[in-house]
Each structure stands twice: as C-alpha cells, then as structure tokens.
Protein backbone atom coordinates (compact mmCIF):
# COMPACT_ATOMS: atom_id res chain seq x y z
CA MET A 1 13.11 14.80 2.92
CA THR A 2 12.04 11.72 1.00
CA LEU A 3 9.69 8.90 1.93
CA GLY A 4 12.66 6.55 2.14
CA GLU A 5 14.20 8.70 4.91
CA LEU A 6 11.05 8.96 7.08
CA PRO A 7 11.53 7.09 10.39
CA ILE A 8 9.17 4.43 11.76
CA GLY A 9 6.12 6.15 13.24
CA GLY A 10 6.88 9.34 11.32
CA SER A 11 4.29 11.02 9.14
CA ALA A 12 4.45 13.73 6.51
CA ILE A 13 2.64 15.08 3.46
CA VAL A 14 3.50 13.98 -0.09
CA ASP A 15 4.95 16.95 -1.95
CA ARG A 16 6.13 15.47 -5.26
CA VAL A 17 6.58 12.10 -6.97
CA GLU A 18 9.57 11.75 -9.29
CA GLY A 19 10.86 9.01 -11.58
CA ALA A 20 9.80 7.55 -14.90
CA ARG A 21 6.34 8.44 -16.17
CA ALA A 22 4.91 4.92 -15.73
CA PHE A 23 6.32 4.72 -12.20
CA ARG A 24 4.84 8.12 -11.22
CA ARG A 25 1.49 7.13 -12.64
CA ARG A 26 1.47 3.87 -10.67
CA LEU A 27 2.25 5.61 -7.38
CA LEU A 28 -0.44 8.21 -8.07
CA GLU A 29 -2.92 5.39 -8.74
CA LEU A 30 -1.94 3.85 -5.39
CA GLY A 31 -2.84 7.08 -3.61
CA LEU A 32 0.51 8.86 -3.24
CA ILE A 33 -0.93 12.12 -4.54
CA PRO A 34 0.61 15.46 -3.53
CA GLY A 35 -1.14 16.68 -0.38
CA THR A 36 -1.79 13.16 0.96
CA LYS A 37 -0.64 12.23 4.48
CA VAL A 38 1.59 9.14 4.74
CA GLU A 39 2.88 7.35 7.83
CA VAL A 40 5.63 4.73 8.11
CA LEU A 41 4.25 1.75 10.03
CA ARG A 42 7.19 -0.63 9.95
CA VAL A 43 10.32 -1.64 8.09
CA ALA A 44 11.40 -5.15 7.10
CA PRO A 45 14.30 -6.61 9.13
CA LEU A 46 16.89 -5.83 6.47
CA GLY A 47 15.46 -2.35 5.87
CA ASP A 48 13.58 -3.08 2.66
CA PRO A 49 10.61 -2.81 1.96
CA ILE A 50 8.83 -0.26 4.14
CA GLU A 51 5.15 -0.45 5.07
CA LEU A 52 3.14 2.76 4.84
CA LEU A 53 -0.33 3.87 5.86
CA VAL A 54 -1.83 5.82 2.96
CA ARG A 55 -5.49 6.85 2.80
CA GLY A 56 -6.53 4.14 5.26
CA TYR A 57 -4.73 1.20 3.67
CA ARG A 58 -1.27 -0.34 3.98
CA LEU A 59 1.18 -0.04 1.12
CA SER A 60 4.62 -1.63 0.91
CA LEU A 61 7.31 0.05 -1.18
CA ARG A 62 10.95 -0.69 -1.82
CA ARG A 63 13.15 1.93 -0.20
CA GLU A 64 14.63 2.70 -3.65
CA ASP A 65 11.15 3.63 -4.93
CA ALA A 66 10.24 5.50 -1.75
CA ALA A 67 13.31 7.70 -2.25
CA LEU A 68 11.60 9.18 -5.32
CA VAL A 69 8.71 10.59 -3.25
CA SER A 70 9.49 14.03 -1.79
CA LEU A 71 7.75 15.01 1.45
CA ARG A 72 6.98 18.13 3.42
CA GLU A 73 6.09 18.36 7.07
CA GLY A 74 2.59 19.16 8.24
CA ALA A 75 -0.79 17.57 8.85
CA ALA A 76 -3.27 16.66 6.14
C-alpha cells in the first residue's frame, strides 16, 4: 500500500520512500523516515493534496508524491 492510497483517518508505518534522490531526501527531512507512523487527516475537495499527521505536525503532499511512499501496517 502507498501513502496515496491510505483512506482518511487511516494510519500506517512508513516502509520505504522512492523517487528521485532530491525528492527522497526532502521527504526524509520532513520526517517521512522508515518506521515513522503517519495518519491521513483530510483530503482536499478534488482529492489533491492530502493532509497528514507526521511526528506531531501537519504535512500536505500531492497525491502523486504520496504514491511514492510505501507503507506497512502496524503501530509505531
């Protein structure tokens, strides 16, 4: 499952971040590190972007970018 597929209110653990090197680095800097719990708080009316709760702060990502973050189920 990817972060872009996670439903509103759903939570999971980051397993892997894919994409270009600069993109991966930016997401890692924003706290999307493997082993981190993420939760989808809400989605914009047209489905893009999505708002996430990561490490106690809110992060908005385009669904296209969120699709590059692989998740696994479980609690952090």
